[in-house]
């Protein structure tokens, strides 16, 4: 199948994906983003599609997996911020339940992250966004062991910066 034929086939199936995206996200803006990302990924990986198979099922699977991965990243980010805030609170006793203080602490953490050297900051931020070690290694064209090491050292540096 030529790339033009594949693109035409995708465009014909697009109308069936939009309601599924809305059902998953329950937000029209997020659904539009999910739809676009699904179509992009389908075009990017068109060689993985076997001609004659159910393209709708293939596209639905791509969309579902993208949605799940996005959800996992979001949960991981929230968990990280909660843990970092708790760590700051424990370091700065006594604890005061104040939203403004918590907001300032999160800003301190974010500032500490951006003060990291780029060598450590890039892999750490990608990990923070929910990417797996092997995905980060592919993106940065580095061995996976190097990526794990840089993320580990970034955490150590952040702990030191936050403690002071």
N, C-alpha and C. Protein backbone atom coordinates (compact mmCIF):
# COMPACT_ATOMS: atom_id res chain seq x y z
N UNK A 1 0.85 -1.17 0.00
CA UNK A 1 0.00 0.00 0.00
C UNK A 1 0.91 1.24 0.00
N UNK A 2 0.60 2.17 -0.87
CA UNK A 2 1.41 3.39 -0.97
C UNK A 2 1.10 4.31 0.20
N UNK A 3 2.00 5.22 0.49
CA UNK A 3 1.74 6.18 1.58
C UNK A 3 0.47 7.00 1.35
N UNK A 4 0.20 7.37 0.11
CA UNK A 4 -1.00 8.15 -0.20
C UNK A 4 -2.26 7.33 0.06
N UNK A 5 -2.24 6.04 -0.32
CA UNK A 5 -3.39 5.17 -0.07
C UNK A 5 -3.60 4.99 1.43
N UNK A 6 -2.52 4.84 2.16
CA UNK A 6 -2.62 4.66 3.61
C UNK A 6 -3.20 5.92 4.26
N UNK A 7 -2.75 7.09 3.81
CA UNK A 7 -3.27 8.35 4.34
C UNK A 7 -4.75 8.49 4.05
N UNK A 8 -5.18 8.14 2.86
CA UNK A 8 -6.60 8.19 2.51
C UNK A 8 -7.41 7.25 3.40
N UNK A 9 -6.87 6.05 3.64
CA UNK A 9 -7.54 5.07 4.51
C UNK A 9 -7.68 5.62 5.93
N UNK A 10 -6.65 6.29 6.41
CA UNK A 10 -6.70 6.89 7.75
C UNK A 10 -7.75 7.98 7.83
N UNK A 11 -7.78 8.83 6.83
CA UNK A 11 -8.74 9.94 6.84
C UNK A 11 -10.18 9.44 6.80
N UNK A 12 -10.42 8.33 6.11
CA UNK A 12 -11.76 7.74 6.08
C UNK A 12 -12.18 7.24 7.46
N UNK A 13 -11.22 6.80 8.25
CA UNK A 13 -11.53 6.24 9.57
C UNK A 13 -11.56 7.30 10.67
N UNK A 14 -11.14 8.50 10.36
CA UNK A 14 -11.02 9.54 11.37
C UNK A 14 -12.30 9.87 12.10
N UNK A 15 -13.42 9.86 11.38
CA UNK A 15 -14.70 10.20 12.01
C UNK A 15 -15.08 9.20 13.10
N UNK A 16 -14.61 7.97 12.99
CA UNK A 16 -14.95 6.96 13.99
C UNK A 16 -14.09 7.13 15.25
N UNK A 17 -12.95 7.77 15.12
CA UNK A 17 -12.05 7.94 16.26
C UNK A 17 -12.47 9.10 17.18
N UNK A 18 -13.05 10.13 16.61
CA UNK A 18 -13.37 11.33 17.40
C UNK A 18 -14.31 11.04 18.57
N UNK A 19 -15.40 10.30 18.38
CA UNK A 19 -16.26 10.00 19.55
C UNK A 19 -15.54 9.15 20.60
N UNK A 20 -14.67 8.27 20.16
CA UNK A 20 -13.92 7.44 21.10
C UNK A 20 -12.97 8.32 21.93
N UNK A 21 -12.35 9.29 21.29
CA UNK A 21 -11.45 10.20 21.99
C UNK A 21 -12.21 11.02 23.04
N UNK A 22 -13.40 11.48 22.68
CA UNK A 22 -14.22 12.25 23.62
C UNK A 22 -14.66 11.36 24.78
N UNK A 23 -15.03 10.11 24.48
CA UNK A 23 -15.43 9.19 25.54
C UNK A 23 -14.28 8.92 26.51
N UNK A 24 -13.07 8.84 26.00
CA UNK A 24 -11.92 8.58 26.87
C UNK A 24 -11.57 9.80 27.73
N UNK A 25 -11.51 10.97 27.11
CA UNK A 25 -11.00 12.15 27.80
C UNK A 25 -12.07 12.96 28.52
N UNK A 26 -13.29 12.91 28.01
CA UNK A 26 -14.40 13.71 28.53
C UNK A 26 -14.09 15.22 28.48
N UNK A 27 -13.30 15.58 27.49
CA UNK A 27 -12.90 16.97 27.30
C UNK A 27 -12.62 17.17 25.81
N UNK A 28 -13.31 18.11 25.19
CA UNK A 28 -13.19 18.25 23.73
C UNK A 28 -11.78 18.67 23.31
N UNK A 29 -11.13 19.53 24.09
CA UNK A 29 -9.77 19.96 23.74
C UNK A 29 -8.78 18.81 23.86
N UNK A 30 -8.87 18.06 24.95
CA UNK A 30 -7.98 16.91 25.15
C UNK A 30 -8.28 15.84 24.11
N UNK A 31 -9.55 15.69 23.73
CA UNK A 31 -9.93 14.70 22.72
C UNK A 31 -9.31 15.06 21.37
N UNK A 32 -9.30 16.34 21.05
CA UNK A 32 -8.70 16.79 19.79
C UNK A 32 -7.20 16.49 19.78
N UNK A 33 -6.54 16.75 20.90
CA UNK A 33 -5.11 16.45 21.00
C UNK A 33 -4.85 14.95 20.87
N UNK A 34 -5.67 14.16 21.54
CA UNK A 34 -5.52 12.70 21.48
C UNK A 34 -5.75 12.19 20.06
N UNK A 35 -6.74 12.73 19.38
CA UNK A 35 -7.02 12.35 17.99
C UNK A 35 -5.82 12.67 17.09
N UNK A 36 -5.28 13.88 17.24
CA UNK A 36 -4.14 14.28 16.41
C UNK A 36 -2.91 13.41 16.69
N UNK A 37 -2.67 13.13 17.97
CA UNK A 37 -1.53 12.29 18.32
C UNK A 37 -1.70 10.88 17.77
N UNK A 38 -2.93 10.38 17.78
CA UNK A 38 -3.21 9.04 17.24
C UNK A 38 -2.94 9.00 15.75
N UNK A 39 -3.41 9.99 15.03
CA UNK A 39 -3.19 10.02 13.59
C UNK A 39 -1.70 10.17 13.27
N UNK A 40 -1.02 10.99 14.06
CA UNK A 40 0.42 11.15 13.87
C UNK A 40 1.15 9.83 14.08
N UNK A 41 0.81 9.14 15.17
CA UNK A 41 1.47 7.87 15.45
C UNK A 41 1.15 6.83 14.38
N UNK A 42 -0.07 6.83 13.89
CA UNK A 42 -0.43 5.89 12.84
C UNK A 42 0.39 6.14 11.58
N UNK A 43 0.53 7.41 11.22
CA UNK A 43 1.35 7.74 10.04
C UNK A 43 2.82 7.40 10.27
N UNK A 44 3.28 7.66 11.47
CA UNK A 44 4.67 7.39 11.82
C UNK A 44 4.99 5.89 11.76
N UNK A 45 4.03 5.07 12.12
CA UNK A 45 4.25 3.62 12.19
C UNK A 45 3.41 2.85 11.16
N UNK A 46 3.21 3.46 10.02
CA UNK A 46 2.36 2.82 9.01
C UNK A 46 2.90 1.47 8.54
N UNK A 47 4.23 1.28 8.64
CA UNK A 47 4.81 0.00 8.22
C UNK A 47 4.39 -1.14 9.14
N UNK A 48 3.89 -0.81 10.33
CA UNK A 48 3.45 -1.85 11.27
C UNK A 48 2.02 -2.31 10.99
N UNK A 49 1.30 -1.55 10.18
CA UNK A 49 -0.05 -1.94 9.82
C UNK A 49 0.00 -3.00 8.72
N UNK A 50 -0.73 -4.08 8.95
CA UNK A 50 -0.81 -5.16 7.96
C UNK A 50 -2.03 -4.92 7.08
N UNK A 51 -1.77 -4.76 5.80
CA UNK A 51 -2.84 -4.47 4.86
C UNK A 51 -3.88 -5.59 4.89
N UNK A 52 -5.15 -5.18 4.88
CA UNK A 52 -6.24 -6.15 4.89
C UNK A 52 -6.79 -6.43 6.28
N UNK A 53 -6.08 -5.98 7.33
CA UNK A 53 -6.59 -6.18 8.69
C UNK A 53 -7.48 -5.01 9.07
N UNK A 54 -8.12 -5.12 10.21
CA UNK A 54 -9.08 -4.11 10.66
C UNK A 54 -8.35 -2.85 11.11
N UNK A 55 -8.37 -1.83 10.26
CA UNK A 55 -7.65 -0.59 10.57
C UNK A 55 -8.30 0.15 11.73
N UNK A 56 -9.62 0.04 11.87
CA UNK A 56 -10.28 0.71 12.99
C UNK A 56 -9.77 0.17 14.32
N UNK A 57 -9.68 -1.14 14.42
CA UNK A 57 -9.19 -1.75 15.66
C UNK A 57 -7.75 -1.31 15.93
N UNK A 58 -6.96 -1.24 14.89
CA UNK A 58 -5.56 -0.81 15.02
C UNK A 58 -5.49 0.62 15.54
N UNK A 59 -6.31 1.51 14.96
CA UNK A 59 -6.33 2.91 15.38
C UNK A 59 -6.89 3.06 16.80
N UNK A 60 -7.94 2.31 17.12
CA UNK A 60 -8.50 2.36 18.48
C UNK A 60 -7.45 1.91 19.50
N UNK A 61 -6.66 0.91 19.16
CA UNK A 61 -5.62 0.43 20.07
C UNK A 61 -4.55 1.49 20.28
N UNK A 62 -4.14 2.15 19.21
CA UNK A 62 -3.15 3.23 19.33
C UNK A 62 -3.70 4.32 20.24
N UNK A 63 -4.95 4.71 20.01
CA UNK A 63 -5.56 5.79 20.80
C UNK A 63 -5.67 5.40 22.27
N UNK A 64 -6.13 4.20 22.52
CA UNK A 64 -6.28 3.74 23.91
C UNK A 64 -4.93 3.72 24.62
N UNK A 65 -3.90 3.21 23.94
CA UNK A 65 -2.57 3.16 24.55
C UNK A 65 -2.01 4.55 24.82
N UNK A 66 -2.22 5.47 23.90
CA UNK A 66 -1.78 6.86 24.13
C UNK A 66 -2.49 7.47 25.34
N UNK A 67 -3.78 7.22 25.45
CA UNK A 67 -4.55 7.75 26.57
C UNK A 67 -4.04 7.18 27.89
N UNK A 68 -3.82 5.88 27.93
CA UNK A 68 -3.33 5.22 29.15
C UNK A 68 -1.95 5.74 29.53
N UNK A 69 -1.06 5.88 28.56
CA UNK A 69 0.28 6.38 28.84
C UNK A 69 0.24 7.81 29.38
N UNK A 70 -0.64 8.64 28.79
CA UNK A 70 -0.78 10.02 29.26
C UNK A 70 -1.29 10.03 30.69
N UNK A 71 -2.25 9.19 31.00
CA UNK A 71 -2.81 9.11 32.35
C UNK A 71 -1.74 8.69 33.35
N UNK A 72 -0.94 7.70 32.98
CA UNK A 72 0.13 7.23 33.88
C UNK A 72 1.16 8.34 34.13
N UNK A 73 1.51 9.09 33.09
CA UNK A 73 2.47 10.19 33.26
C UNK A 73 1.91 11.24 34.23
N UNK A 74 0.64 11.54 34.05
CA UNK A 74 -0.01 12.54 34.90
C UNK A 74 -0.01 12.09 36.36
N UNK A 75 -0.34 10.83 36.61
CA UNK A 75 -0.34 10.30 37.97
C UNK A 75 1.07 10.34 38.55
N UNK A 76 2.06 9.97 37.75
CA UNK A 76 3.45 9.97 38.21
C UNK A 76 3.90 11.38 38.57
N UNK A 77 3.52 12.38 37.79
CA UNK A 77 3.88 13.76 38.08
C UNK A 77 3.26 14.22 39.39
N UNK A 78 1.97 13.91 39.58
CA UNK A 78 1.30 14.31 40.82
C UNK A 78 1.94 13.64 42.02
N UNK A 79 2.25 12.36 41.89
CA UNK A 79 2.89 11.62 42.97
C UNK A 79 4.24 12.22 43.31
N UNK A 80 5.02 12.57 42.29
CA UNK A 80 6.33 13.17 42.50
C UNK A 80 6.20 14.49 43.26
N UNK A 81 5.28 15.35 42.84
CA UNK A 81 5.12 16.64 43.50
C UNK A 81 4.66 16.46 44.94
N UNK A 82 3.75 15.50 45.19
CA UNK A 82 3.30 15.24 46.55
C UNK A 82 4.46 14.77 47.42
N UNK A 83 5.26 13.85 46.91
CA UNK A 83 6.40 13.34 47.68
C UNK A 83 7.42 14.45 47.95
N UNK A 84 7.69 15.24 46.94
CA UNK A 84 8.66 16.31 47.10
C UNK A 84 8.17 17.33 48.12
N UNK A 85 6.89 17.64 48.08
CA UNK A 85 6.32 18.58 49.04
C UNK A 85 6.40 18.01 50.45
N UNK A 86 6.08 16.73 50.60
CA UNK A 86 6.18 16.08 51.92
C UNK A 86 7.61 16.12 52.43
N UNK A 87 8.57 15.88 51.55
CA UNK A 87 9.98 15.90 51.95
C UNK A 87 10.37 17.29 52.43
N UNK A 88 9.91 18.31 51.73
CA UNK A 88 10.21 19.68 52.16
C UNK A 88 9.57 19.99 53.51
N UNK A 89 8.37 19.52 53.69
CA UNK A 89 7.67 19.76 54.94
C UNK A 89 8.42 19.10 56.10
N UNK A 90 8.88 17.89 55.88
CA UNK A 90 9.62 17.19 56.93
C UNK A 90 10.94 17.89 57.25
N UNK A 91 11.55 18.49 56.25
CA UNK A 91 12.80 19.20 56.47
C UNK A 91 12.59 20.51 57.23
N UNK A 92 11.46 21.12 57.03
CA UNK A 92 11.19 22.43 57.62
C UNK A 92 10.06 22.33 58.65
N UNK A 93 10.31 21.62 59.74
CA UNK A 93 9.33 21.51 60.81
C UNK A 93 9.22 22.86 61.51
N UNK A 94 8.19 23.26 62.13
CA UNK A 94 6.91 22.56 62.24
C UNK A 94 6.08 22.73 60.98
N UNK A 95 5.18 21.82 60.79
CA UNK A 95 4.33 21.78 59.61
C UNK A 95 3.17 22.75 59.77
N UNK A 96 2.95 23.55 58.73
CA UNK A 96 1.83 24.47 58.71
C UNK A 96 1.04 24.15 57.46
N UNK A 97 -0.23 23.85 57.63
CA UNK A 97 -1.07 23.52 56.48
C UNK A 97 -1.53 24.82 55.84
N UNK A 98 -0.77 25.26 54.87
CA UNK A 98 -1.03 26.53 54.24
C UNK A 98 -0.76 26.37 52.75
N UNK A 99 -1.75 26.63 51.94
CA UNK A 99 -1.64 26.45 50.49
C UNK A 99 -0.57 27.35 49.90
N UNK A 100 -0.41 28.55 50.43
CA UNK A 100 0.60 29.46 49.89
C UNK A 100 2.00 28.92 50.14
N UNK A 101 2.23 28.35 51.33
CA UNK A 101 3.54 27.78 51.64
C UNK A 101 3.81 26.59 50.74
N UNK A 102 2.81 25.73 50.57
CA UNK A 102 2.96 24.57 49.70
C UNK A 102 3.28 25.01 48.28
N UNK A 103 2.62 26.04 47.81
CA UNK A 103 2.87 26.55 46.47
C UNK A 103 4.30 27.07 46.35
N UNK A 104 4.79 27.74 47.39
CA UNK A 104 6.17 28.24 47.37
C UNK A 104 7.15 27.07 47.37
N UNK A 105 6.83 25.99 48.10
CA UNK A 105 7.71 24.84 48.16
C UNK A 105 7.80 24.17 46.79
N UNK A 106 6.69 24.05 46.11
CA UNK A 106 6.69 23.46 44.77
C UNK A 106 7.53 24.32 43.84
N UNK A 107 7.43 25.63 43.97
CA UNK A 107 8.25 26.53 43.14
C UNK A 107 9.74 26.34 43.44
N UNK A 108 10.06 26.13 44.73
CA UNK A 108 11.45 25.86 45.10
C UNK A 108 11.96 24.59 44.43
N UNK A 109 11.13 23.57 44.41
CA UNK A 109 11.51 22.29 43.78
C UNK A 109 11.72 22.50 42.29
N UNK A 110 10.77 23.19 41.66
CA UNK A 110 10.90 23.44 40.23
C UNK A 110 12.16 24.27 39.93
N UNK A 111 12.44 25.25 40.78
CA UNK A 111 13.65 26.06 40.60
C UNK A 111 14.90 25.19 40.74
N UNK A 112 14.88 24.29 41.71
CA UNK A 112 16.02 23.39 41.92
C UNK A 112 16.22 22.48 40.71
N UNK A 113 15.12 22.03 40.13
CA UNK A 113 15.21 21.17 38.94
C UNK A 113 15.87 21.93 37.80
N UNK A 114 15.47 23.17 37.59
CA UNK A 114 16.00 23.93 36.47
C UNK A 114 17.42 24.44 36.71
N UNK A 115 17.91 24.33 37.93
CA UNK A 115 19.31 24.67 38.21
C UNK A 115 20.24 23.49 37.96
N UNK A 116 19.68 22.31 37.72
CA UNK A 116 20.51 21.14 37.43
C UNK A 116 21.27 21.36 36.12
N UNK A 117 22.47 20.83 36.00
CA UNK A 117 23.17 20.89 34.71
C UNK A 117 22.36 20.16 33.64
N UNK A 118 22.39 20.65 32.41
CA UNK A 118 21.61 20.06 31.32
C UNK A 118 21.85 18.56 31.15
N UNK A 119 23.06 18.13 31.43
CA UNK A 119 23.41 16.72 31.31
C UNK A 119 22.50 15.85 32.17
N UNK A 120 22.09 16.36 33.32
CA UNK A 120 21.23 15.63 34.24
C UNK A 120 19.77 16.06 34.14
N UNK A 121 19.56 17.34 33.82
CA UNK A 121 18.20 17.89 33.80
C UNK A 121 17.34 17.25 32.71
N UNK A 122 17.88 17.11 31.50
CA UNK A 122 17.08 16.57 30.39
C UNK A 122 16.56 15.17 30.68
N UNK A 123 17.43 14.22 31.08
CA UNK A 123 16.89 12.88 31.37
C UNK A 123 15.94 12.88 32.56
N UNK A 124 16.24 13.70 33.58
CA UNK A 124 15.37 13.75 34.75
C UNK A 124 13.99 14.27 34.39
N UNK A 125 13.91 15.35 33.62
CA UNK A 125 12.61 15.90 33.23
C UNK A 125 11.82 14.92 32.37
N UNK A 126 12.49 14.22 31.48
CA UNK A 126 11.79 13.23 30.66
C UNK A 126 11.26 12.10 31.54
N UNK A 127 12.05 11.69 32.52
CA UNK A 127 11.60 10.65 33.45
C UNK A 127 10.42 11.17 34.27
N UNK A 128 10.50 12.40 34.70
CA UNK A 128 9.44 13.05 35.46
C UNK A 128 8.15 13.13 34.63
N UNK A 129 8.28 13.33 33.34
CA UNK A 129 7.12 13.39 32.46
C UNK A 129 6.50 12.03 32.22
N UNK A 130 7.17 10.97 32.67
CA UNK A 130 6.58 9.64 32.59
C UNK A 130 7.21 8.72 31.57
N UNK A 131 8.25 9.17 30.90
CA UNK A 131 8.90 8.30 29.94
C UNK A 131 9.70 7.23 30.66
N UNK A 132 9.80 6.08 30.05
CA UNK A 132 10.56 4.97 30.61
C UNK A 132 12.03 5.16 30.25
N UNK A 133 12.90 4.46 31.01
CA UNK A 133 14.34 4.62 30.79
C UNK A 133 14.72 4.35 29.33
N UNK A 134 14.19 3.26 28.75
CA UNK A 134 14.58 2.92 27.38
C UNK A 134 14.10 3.98 26.38
N UNK A 135 12.93 4.60 26.67
CA UNK A 135 12.45 5.66 25.78
C UNK A 135 13.36 6.88 25.84
N UNK A 136 13.79 7.21 27.05
CA UNK A 136 14.69 8.36 27.23
C UNK A 136 16.02 8.08 26.54
N UNK A 137 16.51 6.84 26.70
CA UNK A 137 17.78 6.46 26.07
C UNK A 137 17.68 6.62 24.55
N UNK A 138 16.55 6.20 23.96
CA UNK A 138 16.36 6.34 22.52
C UNK A 138 16.32 7.82 22.11
N UNK A 139 15.59 8.62 22.88
CA UNK A 139 15.44 10.04 22.53
C UNK A 139 16.77 10.78 22.60
N UNK A 140 17.57 10.46 23.62
CA UNK A 140 18.82 11.18 23.82
C UNK A 140 20.02 10.48 23.19
N UNK A 141 19.77 9.35 22.56
CA UNK A 141 20.83 8.58 21.90
C UNK A 141 21.97 8.25 22.86
N UNK A 142 21.59 7.74 24.02
CA UNK A 142 22.54 7.36 25.06
C UNK A 142 22.23 5.94 25.52
N UNK A 143 23.21 5.22 26.07
CA UNK A 143 22.93 3.90 26.63
C UNK A 143 21.99 4.02 27.83
N UNK A 144 21.17 2.98 28.06
CA UNK A 144 20.19 3.03 29.13
C UNK A 144 20.87 3.15 30.49
N UNK A 145 22.00 2.50 30.69
CA UNK A 145 22.72 2.61 31.95
C UNK A 145 23.15 4.03 32.25
N UNK A 146 23.55 4.75 31.22
CA UNK A 146 23.95 6.14 31.38
C UNK A 146 22.76 6.99 31.82
N UNK A 147 21.61 6.73 31.21
CA UNK A 147 20.39 7.47 31.54
C UNK A 147 20.01 7.21 33.00
N UNK A 148 20.02 5.94 33.41
CA UNK A 148 19.68 5.60 34.80
C UNK A 148 20.62 6.31 35.77
N UNK A 149 21.90 6.31 35.43
CA UNK A 149 22.90 6.95 36.28
C UNK A 149 22.65 8.46 36.38
N UNK A 150 22.36 9.11 35.27
CA UNK A 150 22.14 10.55 35.28
C UNK A 150 20.89 10.92 36.08
N UNK A 151 19.85 10.12 35.96
CA UNK A 151 18.63 10.38 36.73
C UNK A 151 18.91 10.19 38.23
N UNK A 152 19.68 9.17 38.56
CA UNK A 152 20.04 8.92 39.96
C UNK A 152 20.82 10.11 40.52
N UNK A 153 21.82 10.60 39.78
CA UNK A 153 22.61 11.73 40.24
C UNK A 153 21.77 13.01 40.30
N UNK A 154 20.84 13.17 39.38
CA UNK A 154 19.95 14.34 39.42
C UNK A 154 19.13 14.33 40.70
N UNK A 155 18.63 13.16 41.10
CA UNK A 155 17.87 13.06 42.35
C UNK A 155 18.75 13.43 43.55
N UNK A 156 19.97 12.94 43.55
CA UNK A 156 20.88 13.24 44.66
C UNK A 156 21.14 14.75 44.73
N UNK A 157 21.38 15.37 43.58
CA UNK A 157 21.62 16.82 43.55
C UNK A 157 20.39 17.59 44.05
N UNK A 158 19.20 17.14 43.64
CA UNK A 158 17.99 17.81 44.08
C UNK A 158 17.82 17.69 45.59
N UNK A 159 18.08 16.53 46.13
CA UNK A 159 17.98 16.36 47.59
C UNK A 159 18.91 17.31 48.30
N UNK A 160 20.12 17.45 47.79
CA UNK A 160 21.10 18.36 48.41
C UNK A 160 20.64 19.82 48.30
N UNK A 161 20.14 20.20 47.12
CA UNK A 161 19.68 21.59 46.93
C UNK A 161 18.49 21.91 47.82
N UNK A 162 17.57 20.96 47.93
CA UNK A 162 16.35 21.20 48.72
C UNK A 162 16.66 21.21 50.21
N UNK A 163 17.63 20.42 50.62
CA UNK A 163 17.99 20.35 52.05
C UNK A 163 18.60 21.66 52.53
N UNK A 164 19.21 22.44 51.64
CA UNK A 164 19.87 23.69 52.07
C UNK A 164 18.97 24.88 51.96
